[in-house]
Full PDB file with SEQRES, HELIX, SHEET, SSBOND, CRYST1, ORIGX, SCALE, CONECT and MASTER records, all heavy atoms in Angstrom:
SEQRES   1 A   32  ASP THR ALA ALA TYR ARG ALA THR ASP GLY PRO ARG LEU          
SEQRES   2 A   32  GLY ALA VAL LEU THR ASP LEU VAL SER ALA LEU PHE ALA          
SEQRES   3 A   32  HIS ALA LEU GLU SER ALA                                      
HELIX    1 AA1 ASP A    9  LEU A   29  1                                  21    
CRYST1    1.000    1.000    1.000  90.00  90.00  90.00 P 1           1          
ORIGX1      1.000000  0.000000  0.000000        0.00000                         
ORIGX2      0.000000  1.000000  0.000000        0.00000                         
ORIGX3      0.000000  0.000000  1.000000        0.00000                         
SCALE1      1.000000  0.000000  0.000000        0.00000                         
SCALE2      0.000000  1.000000  0.000000        0.00000                         
SCALE3      0.000000  0.000000  1.000000        0.00000                         
ATOM      1  N   ASP A   1      -8.635   1.365 -13.074  1.00  0.00           N  
ATOM      2  CA  ASP A   1      -8.125   2.284 -14.064  1.00  0.00           C  
ATOM      3  C   ASP A   1      -6.584   2.396 -13.918  1.00  0.00           C  
ATOM      4  O   ASP A   1      -6.142   3.104 -13.023  1.00  0.00           O  
ATOM      5  CB  ASP A   1      -8.755   3.698 -14.045  1.00  0.00           C  
ATOM      6  CG  ASP A   1      -8.249   4.630 -15.034  1.00  0.00           C  
ATOM      7  OD1 ASP A   1      -7.582   4.084 -16.059  1.00  0.00           O  
ATOM      8  OD2 ASP A   1      -8.376   5.819 -14.988  1.00  0.00           O  
ATOM      9  N   THR A   2      -5.841   1.737 -14.715  1.00  0.00           N  
ATOM     10  CA  THR A   2      -4.375   1.836 -14.590  1.00  0.00           C  
ATOM     11  C   THR A   2      -3.728   2.742 -15.738  1.00  0.00           C  
ATOM     12  O   THR A   2      -2.577   2.853 -15.762  1.00  0.00           O  
ATOM     13  CB  THR A   2      -3.784   0.356 -14.772  1.00  0.00           C  
ATOM     14  OG1 THR A   2      -4.166  -0.107 -16.047  1.00  0.00           O  
ATOM     15  CG2 THR A   2      -4.256  -0.521 -13.684  1.00  0.00           C  
ATOM     16  N   ALA A   3      -4.577   3.300 -16.572  1.00  0.00           N  
ATOM     17  CA  ALA A   3      -4.146   4.132 -17.733  1.00  0.00           C  
ATOM     18  C   ALA A   3      -3.270   5.336 -17.210  1.00  0.00           C  
ATOM     19  O   ALA A   3      -2.379   5.809 -17.874  1.00  0.00           O  
ATOM     20  CB  ALA A   3      -5.156   4.526 -18.634  1.00  0.00           C  
ATOM     21  N   ALA A   4      -3.609   5.856 -16.072  1.00  0.00           N  
ATOM     22  CA  ALA A   4      -3.019   7.128 -15.610  1.00  0.00           C  
ATOM     23  C   ALA A   4      -1.665   6.905 -14.954  1.00  0.00           C  
ATOM     24  O   ALA A   4      -0.982   7.800 -14.581  1.00  0.00           O  
ATOM     25  CB  ALA A   4      -3.967   7.820 -14.644  1.00  0.00           C  
ATOM     26  N   TYR A   5      -1.306   5.541 -14.755  1.00  0.00           N  
ATOM     27  CA  TYR A   5      -0.117   5.276 -14.014  1.00  0.00           C  
ATOM     28  C   TYR A   5       1.061   4.944 -14.959  1.00  0.00           C  
ATOM     29  O   TYR A   5       0.859   4.319 -15.977  1.00  0.00           O  
ATOM     30  CB  TYR A   5      -0.304   4.049 -13.090  1.00  0.00           C  
ATOM     31  CG  TYR A   5      -1.413   4.333 -12.050  1.00  0.00           C  
ATOM     32  CD1 TYR A   5      -2.458   3.460 -11.946  1.00  0.00           C  
ATOM     33  CD2 TYR A   5      -1.370   5.343 -11.171  1.00  0.00           C  
ATOM     34  CE1 TYR A   5      -3.454   3.601 -11.051  1.00  0.00           C  
ATOM     35  CE2 TYR A   5      -2.317   5.528 -10.269  1.00  0.00           C  
ATOM     36  CZ  TYR A   5      -3.404   4.754 -10.151  1.00  0.00           C  
ATOM     37  OH  TYR A   5      -4.452   4.882  -9.282  1.00  0.00           O  
ATOM     38  N   ARG A   6       2.285   5.455 -14.617  1.00  0.00           N  
ATOM     39  CA  ARG A   6       3.419   5.082 -15.383  1.00  0.00           C  
ATOM     40  C   ARG A   6       4.101   3.892 -14.835  1.00  0.00           C  
ATOM     41  O   ARG A   6       3.787   3.516 -13.666  1.00  0.00           O  
ATOM     42  CB  ARG A   6       4.430   6.293 -15.292  1.00  0.00           C  
ATOM     43  CG  ARG A   6       3.888   7.633 -15.911  1.00  0.00           C  
ATOM     44  CD  ARG A   6       5.085   8.622 -15.909  1.00  0.00           C  
ATOM     45  NE  ARG A   6       4.658   9.935 -16.479  1.00  0.00           N  
ATOM     46  CZ  ARG A   6       4.219  10.952 -15.785  1.00  0.00           C  
ATOM     47  NH1 ARG A   6       4.211  10.789 -14.426  1.00  0.00           N  
ATOM     48  NH2 ARG A   6       3.874  12.017 -16.259  1.00  0.00           N  
ATOM     49  N   ALA A   7       5.083   3.265 -15.445  1.00  0.00           N  
ATOM     50  CA  ALA A   7       5.682   2.094 -15.033  1.00  0.00           C  
ATOM     51  C   ALA A   7       6.497   2.441 -13.744  1.00  0.00           C  
ATOM     52  O   ALA A   7       6.590   1.553 -12.878  1.00  0.00           O  
ATOM     53  CB  ALA A   7       6.625   1.569 -16.107  1.00  0.00           C  
ATOM     54  N   THR A   8       7.033   3.746 -13.704  1.00  0.00           N  
ATOM     55  CA  THR A   8       7.847   4.105 -12.553  1.00  0.00           C  
ATOM     56  C   THR A   8       6.898   4.315 -11.205  1.00  0.00           C  
ATOM     57  O   THR A   8       7.483   4.443 -10.140  1.00  0.00           O  
ATOM     58  CB  THR A   8       8.528   5.389 -12.785  1.00  0.00           C  
ATOM     59  OG1 THR A   8       7.613   6.354 -13.321  1.00  0.00           O  
ATOM     60  CG2 THR A   8       9.607   5.137 -13.851  1.00  0.00           C  
ATOM     61  N   ASP A   9       5.631   4.369 -11.437  1.00  0.00           N  
ATOM     62  CA  ASP A   9       4.698   4.542 -10.251  1.00  0.00           C  
ATOM     63  C   ASP A   9       4.605   3.244  -9.566  1.00  0.00           C  
ATOM     64  O   ASP A   9       4.144   3.203  -8.326  1.00  0.00           O  
ATOM     65  CB  ASP A   9       3.340   5.037 -10.732  1.00  0.00           C  
ATOM     66  CG  ASP A   9       3.383   6.457 -11.326  1.00  0.00           C  
ATOM     67  OD1 ASP A   9       4.169   7.254 -10.845  1.00  0.00           O  
ATOM     68  OD2 ASP A   9       2.556   6.770 -12.161  1.00  0.00           O  
ATOM     69  N   GLY A  10       4.892   2.069 -10.200  1.00  0.00           N  
ATOM     70  CA  GLY A  10       4.586   0.734  -9.634  1.00  0.00           C  
ATOM     71  C   GLY A  10       5.183   0.514  -8.251  1.00  0.00           C  
ATOM     72  O   GLY A  10       4.524   0.295  -7.293  1.00  0.00           O  
ATOM     73  N   PRO A  11       6.469   0.713  -8.099  1.00  0.00           N  
ATOM     74  CA  PRO A  11       7.127   0.537  -6.753  1.00  0.00           C  
ATOM     75  C   PRO A  11       6.559   1.435  -5.701  1.00  0.00           C  
ATOM     76  O   PRO A  11       6.361   1.038  -4.605  1.00  0.00           O  
ATOM     77  CB  PRO A  11       8.634   0.744  -7.063  1.00  0.00           C  
ATOM     78  CG  PRO A  11       8.789   0.472  -8.499  1.00  0.00           C  
ATOM     79  CD  PRO A  11       7.556   1.005  -9.151  1.00  0.00           C  
ATOM     80  N   ARG A  12       6.251   2.656  -5.985  1.00  0.00           N  
ATOM     81  CA  ARG A  12       5.737   3.581  -5.051  1.00  0.00           C  
ATOM     82  C   ARG A  12       4.247   3.132  -4.630  1.00  0.00           C  
ATOM     83  O   ARG A  12       3.907   3.159  -3.452  1.00  0.00           O  
ATOM     84  CB  ARG A  12       5.621   4.972  -5.624  1.00  0.00           C  
ATOM     85  CG  ARG A  12       6.986   5.619  -5.714  1.00  0.00           C  
ATOM     86  CD  ARG A  12       6.995   7.095  -6.065  1.00  0.00           C  
ATOM     87  NE  ARG A  12       6.503   7.335  -7.435  1.00  0.00           N  
ATOM     88  CZ  ARG A  12       7.326   7.511  -8.506  1.00  0.00           C  
ATOM     89  NH1 ARG A  12       8.597   7.364  -8.263  1.00  0.00           N  
ATOM     90  NH2 ARG A  12       6.882   7.652  -9.698  1.00  0.00           N  
ATOM     91  N   LEU A  13       3.449   2.747  -5.579  1.00  0.00           N  
ATOM     92  CA  LEU A  13       2.131   2.262  -5.234  1.00  0.00           C  
ATOM     93  C   LEU A  13       2.207   0.962  -4.451  1.00  0.00           C  
ATOM     94  O   LEU A  13       1.456   0.784  -3.557  1.00  0.00           O  
ATOM     95  CB  LEU A  13       1.374   2.027  -6.604  1.00  0.00           C  
ATOM     96  CG  LEU A  13       1.040   3.246  -7.296  1.00  0.00           C  
ATOM     97  CD1 LEU A  13       0.473   2.935  -8.758  1.00  0.00           C  
ATOM     98  CD2 LEU A  13      -0.042   4.103  -6.621  1.00  0.00           C  
ATOM     99  N   GLY A  14       3.134   0.068  -4.797  1.00  0.00           N  
ATOM    100  CA  GLY A  14       3.353  -1.048  -3.969  1.00  0.00           C  
ATOM    101  C   GLY A  14       3.751  -0.797  -2.525  1.00  0.00           C  
ATOM    102  O   GLY A  14       3.265  -1.471  -1.578  1.00  0.00           O  
ATOM    103  N   ALA A  15       4.554   0.270  -2.270  1.00  0.00           N  
ATOM    104  CA  ALA A  15       5.001   0.637  -0.990  1.00  0.00           C  
ATOM    105  C   ALA A  15       3.733   1.143  -0.228  1.00  0.00           C  
ATOM    106  O   ALA A  15       3.525   0.803   0.946  1.00  0.00           O  
ATOM    107  CB  ALA A  15       6.034   1.697  -1.000  1.00  0.00           C  
ATOM    108  N   VAL A  16       2.906   2.026  -0.915  1.00  0.00           N  
ATOM    109  CA  VAL A  16       1.648   2.429  -0.200  1.00  0.00           C  
ATOM    110  C   VAL A  16       0.798   1.297   0.250  1.00  0.00           C  
ATOM    111  O   VAL A  16       0.252   1.154   1.257  1.00  0.00           O  
ATOM    112  CB  VAL A  16       0.953   3.384  -1.081  1.00  0.00           C  
ATOM    113  CG1 VAL A  16      -0.477   3.832  -0.409  1.00  0.00           C  
ATOM    114  CG2 VAL A  16       1.737   4.735  -1.203  1.00  0.00           C  
ATOM    115  N   LEU A  17       0.648   0.393  -0.739  1.00  0.00           N  
ATOM    116  CA  LEU A  17      -0.267  -0.905  -0.476  1.00  0.00           C  
ATOM    117  C   LEU A  17       0.302  -1.652   0.644  1.00  0.00           C  
ATOM    118  O   LEU A  17      -0.416  -2.154   1.490  1.00  0.00           O  
ATOM    119  CB  LEU A  17      -0.331  -1.681  -1.744  1.00  0.00           C  
ATOM    120  CG  LEU A  17      -1.319  -2.835  -1.823  1.00  0.00           C  
ATOM    121  CD1 LEU A  17      -2.713  -2.367  -1.388  1.00  0.00           C  
ATOM    122  CD2 LEU A  17      -1.347  -3.417  -3.214  1.00  0.00           C  
ATOM    123  N   THR A  18       1.526  -1.899   0.696  1.00  0.00           N  
ATOM    124  CA  THR A  18       2.204  -2.668   1.811  1.00  0.00           C  
ATOM    125  C   THR A  18       2.005  -1.959   3.162  1.00  0.00           C  
ATOM    126  O   THR A  18       1.721  -2.640   4.154  1.00  0.00           O  
ATOM    127  CB  THR A  18       3.717  -2.881   1.481  1.00  0.00           C  
ATOM    128  OG1 THR A  18       3.875  -3.539   0.304  1.00  0.00           O  
ATOM    129  CG2 THR A  18       4.407  -3.587   2.634  1.00  0.00           C  
ATOM    130  N   ASP A  19       2.113  -0.643   3.170  1.00  0.00           N  
ATOM    131  CA  ASP A  19       1.925   0.091   4.412  1.00  0.00           C  
ATOM    132  C   ASP A  19       0.447  -0.013   4.903  1.00  0.00           C  
ATOM    133  O   ASP A  19       0.105  -0.213   6.090  1.00  0.00           O  
ATOM    134  CB  ASP A  19       2.241   1.601   4.272  1.00  0.00           C  
ATOM    135  CG  ASP A  19       3.752   1.784   4.090  1.00  0.00           C  
ATOM    136  OD1 ASP A  19       4.537   0.867   4.543  1.00  0.00           O  
ATOM    137  OD2 ASP A  19       4.165   2.851   3.700  1.00  0.00           O  
ATOM    138  N   LEU A  20      -0.513   0.005   3.880  1.00  0.00           N  
ATOM    139  CA  LEU A  20      -1.939  -0.112   4.303  1.00  0.00           C  
ATOM    140  C   LEU A  20      -2.217  -1.498   4.866  1.00  0.00           C  
ATOM    141  O   LEU A  20      -3.017  -1.652   5.925  1.00  0.00           O  
ATOM    142  CB  LEU A  20      -2.799   0.271   3.066  1.00  0.00           C  
ATOM    143  CG  LEU A  20      -2.929   1.661   2.755  1.00  0.00           C  
ATOM    144  CD1 LEU A  20      -3.687   1.860   1.431  1.00  0.00           C  
ATOM    145  CD2 LEU A  20      -3.661   2.559   3.820  1.00  0.00           C  
ATOM    146  N   VAL A  21      -1.728  -2.561   4.264  1.00  0.00           N  
ATOM    147  CA  VAL A  21      -1.902  -3.838   4.787  1.00  0.00           C  
ATOM    148  C   VAL A  21      -1.327  -4.012   6.183  1.00  0.00           C  
ATOM    149  O   VAL A  21      -1.866  -4.663   7.035  1.00  0.00           O  
ATOM    150  CB  VAL A  21      -1.318  -4.896   3.855  1.00  0.00           C  
ATOM    151  CG1 VAL A  21      -1.406  -6.293   4.372  1.00  0.00           C  
ATOM    152  CG2 VAL A  21      -2.174  -4.890   2.536  1.00  0.00           C  
ATOM    153  N   SER A  22      -0.129  -3.513   6.311  1.00  0.00           N  
ATOM    154  CA  SER A  22       0.639  -3.536   7.659  1.00  0.00           C  
ATOM    155  C   SER A  22      -0.254  -2.735   8.645  1.00  0.00           C  
ATOM    156  O   SER A  22      -0.480  -3.252   9.761  1.00  0.00           O  
ATOM    157  CB  SER A  22       1.908  -2.872   7.537  1.00  0.00           C  
ATOM    158  OG  SER A  22       2.806  -3.539   6.613  1.00  0.00           O  
ATOM    159  N   ALA A  23      -0.768  -1.628   8.304  1.00  0.00           N  
ATOM    160  CA  ALA A  23      -1.574  -0.824   9.248  1.00  0.00           C  
ATOM    161  C   ALA A  23      -2.844  -1.596   9.551  1.00  0.00           C  
ATOM    162  O   ALA A  23      -3.352  -1.562  10.717  1.00  0.00           O  
ATOM    163  CB  ALA A  23      -1.917   0.586   8.670  1.00  0.00           C  
ATOM    164  N   LEU A  24      -3.455  -2.268   8.559  1.00  0.00           N  
ATOM    165  CA  LEU A  24      -4.708  -3.000   8.839  1.00  0.00           C  
ATOM    166  C   LEU A  24      -4.515  -4.169   9.816  1.00  0.00           C  
ATOM    167  O   LEU A  24      -5.227  -4.401  10.741  1.00  0.00           O  
ATOM    168  CB  LEU A  24      -5.331  -3.482   7.514  1.00  0.00           C  
ATOM    169  CG  LEU A  24      -6.574  -4.281   7.599  1.00  0.00           C  
ATOM    170  CD1 LEU A  24      -7.791  -3.461   8.226  1.00  0.00           C  
ATOM    171  CD2 LEU A  24      -7.020  -4.822   6.253  1.00  0.00           C  
ATOM    172  N   PHE A  25      -3.329  -4.885   9.558  1.00  0.00           N  
ATOM    173  CA  PHE A  25      -3.051  -5.999  10.473  1.00  0.00           C  
ATOM    174  C   PHE A  25      -2.850  -5.463  11.954  1.00  0.00           C  
ATOM    175  O   PHE A  25      -3.223  -6.051  12.814  1.00  0.00           O  
ATOM    176  CB  PHE A  25      -1.731  -6.738   9.979  1.00  0.00           C  
ATOM    177  CG  PHE A  25      -2.024  -7.675   8.884  1.00  0.00           C  
ATOM    178  CD1 PHE A  25      -3.281  -7.817   8.304  1.00  0.00           C  
ATOM    179  CD2 PHE A  25      -1.032  -8.469   8.412  1.00  0.00           C  
ATOM    180  CE1 PHE A  25      -3.512  -8.716   7.232  1.00  0.00           C  
ATOM    181  CE2 PHE A  25      -1.301  -9.435   7.379  1.00  0.00           C  
ATOM    182  CZ  PHE A  25      -2.572  -9.507   6.786  1.00  0.00           C  
ATOM    183  N   ALA A  26      -2.068  -4.359  11.985  1.00  0.00           N  
ATOM    184  CA  ALA A  26      -1.757  -3.733  13.302  1.00  0.00           C  
ATOM    185  C   ALA A  26      -3.063  -3.299  14.021  1.00  0.00           C  
ATOM    186  O   ALA A  26      -3.141  -3.464  15.218  1.00  0.00           O  
ATOM    187  CB  ALA A  26      -0.799  -2.599  13.077  1.00  0.00           C  
ATOM    188  N   HIS A  27      -3.897  -2.715  13.199  1.00  0.00           N  
ATOM    189  CA  HIS A  27      -5.242  -2.230  13.836  1.00  0.00           C  
ATOM    190  C   HIS A  27      -5.994  -3.483  14.318  1.00  0.00           C  
ATOM    191  O   HIS A  27      -6.600  -3.372  15.377  1.00  0.00           O  
ATOM    192  CB  HIS A  27      -6.057  -1.584  12.755  1.00  0.00           C  
ATOM    193  CG  HIS A  27      -7.304  -1.152  13.219  1.00  0.00           C  
ATOM    194  ND1 HIS A  27      -7.520  -0.030  14.227  1.00  0.00           N  
ATOM    195  CD2 HIS A  27      -8.627  -1.655  13.035  1.00  0.00           C  
ATOM    196  CE1 HIS A  27      -8.852   0.098  14.411  1.00  0.00           C  
ATOM    197  NE2 HIS A  27      -9.498  -0.860  13.755  1.00  0.00           N  
ATOM    198  N   ALA A  28      -6.042  -4.560  13.538  1.00  0.00           N  
ATOM    199  CA  ALA A  28      -6.751  -5.707  13.934  1.00  0.00           C  
ATOM    200  C   ALA A  28      -6.184  -6.324  15.253  1.00  0.00           C  
ATOM    201  O   ALA A  28      -6.932  -6.910  16.024  1.00  0.00           O  
ATOM    202  CB  ALA A  28      -6.707  -6.789  12.862  1.00  0.00           C  
ATOM    203  N   LEU A  29      -4.927  -6.170  15.385  1.00  0.00           N  
ATOM    204  CA  LEU A  29      -4.201  -6.691  16.641  1.00  0.00           C  
ATOM    205  C   LEU A  29      -4.076  -5.623  17.766  1.00  0.00           C  
ATOM    206  O   LEU A  29      -3.567  -5.892  18.819  1.00  0.00           O  
ATOM    207  CB  LEU A  29      -2.861  -7.153  16.307  1.00  0.00           C  
ATOM    208  CG  LEU A  29      -2.813  -8.313  15.330  1.00  0.00           C  
ATOM    209  CD1 LEU A  29      -1.465  -8.566  14.823  1.00  0.00           C  
ATOM    210  CD2 LEU A  29      -3.387  -9.654  15.917  1.00  0.00           C  
ATOM    211  N   GLU A  30      -4.562  -4.373  17.404  1.00  0.00           N  
ATOM    212  CA  GLU A  30      -4.333  -3.270  18.364  1.00  0.00           C  
ATOM    213  C   GLU A  30      -2.832  -3.100  18.770  1.00  0.00           C  
ATOM    214  O   GLU A  30      -2.548  -2.986  19.882  1.00  0.00           O  
ATOM    215  CB  GLU A  30      -5.190  -3.422  19.631  1.00  0.00           C  
ATOM    216  CG  GLU A  30      -6.746  -3.344  19.300  1.00  0.00           C  
ATOM    217  CD  GLU A  30      -7.538  -3.451  20.585  1.00  0.00           C  
ATOM    218  OE1 GLU A  30      -7.013  -3.836  21.658  1.00  0.00           O  
ATOM    219  OE2 GLU A  30      -8.790  -3.091  20.512  1.00  0.00           O  
ATOM    220  N   SER A  31      -2.032  -3.207  17.726  1.00  0.00           N  
ATOM    221  CA  SER A  31      -0.561  -3.138  17.941  1.00  0.00           C  
ATOM    222  C   SER A  31       0.069  -2.211  17.017  1.00  0.00           C  
ATOM    223  O   SER A  31       1.082  -2.516  16.378  1.00  0.00           O  
ATOM    224  CB  SER A  31       0.063  -4.582  17.888  1.00  0.00           C  
ATOM    225  OG  SER A  31      -0.130  -5.137  16.577  1.00  0.00           O  
ATOM    226  N   ALA A  32      -0.486  -0.999  16.873  1.00  0.00           N  
ATOM    227  CA  ALA A  32       0.073  -0.051  15.988  1.00  0.00           C  
ATOM    228  C   ALA A  32       1.545   0.227  16.318  1.00  0.00           C  
ATOM    229  O   ALA A  32       2.334   0.765  15.435  1.00  0.00           O  
ATOM    230  CB  ALA A  32      -0.788   1.227  15.995  1.00  0.00           C  
TER     231      ALA A  32                                                      
MASTER        0    0    0    1    0    0    0    6  230    1    0    3          
END                                                                             
């Protein structure tokens, strides 16, 4: 559901997504 998001939300959502992927990789490597 993307209807609730504004165009200006995109970069912020991308930053959250990048942090989650980074955290997942760090967790897999036990290198937080």
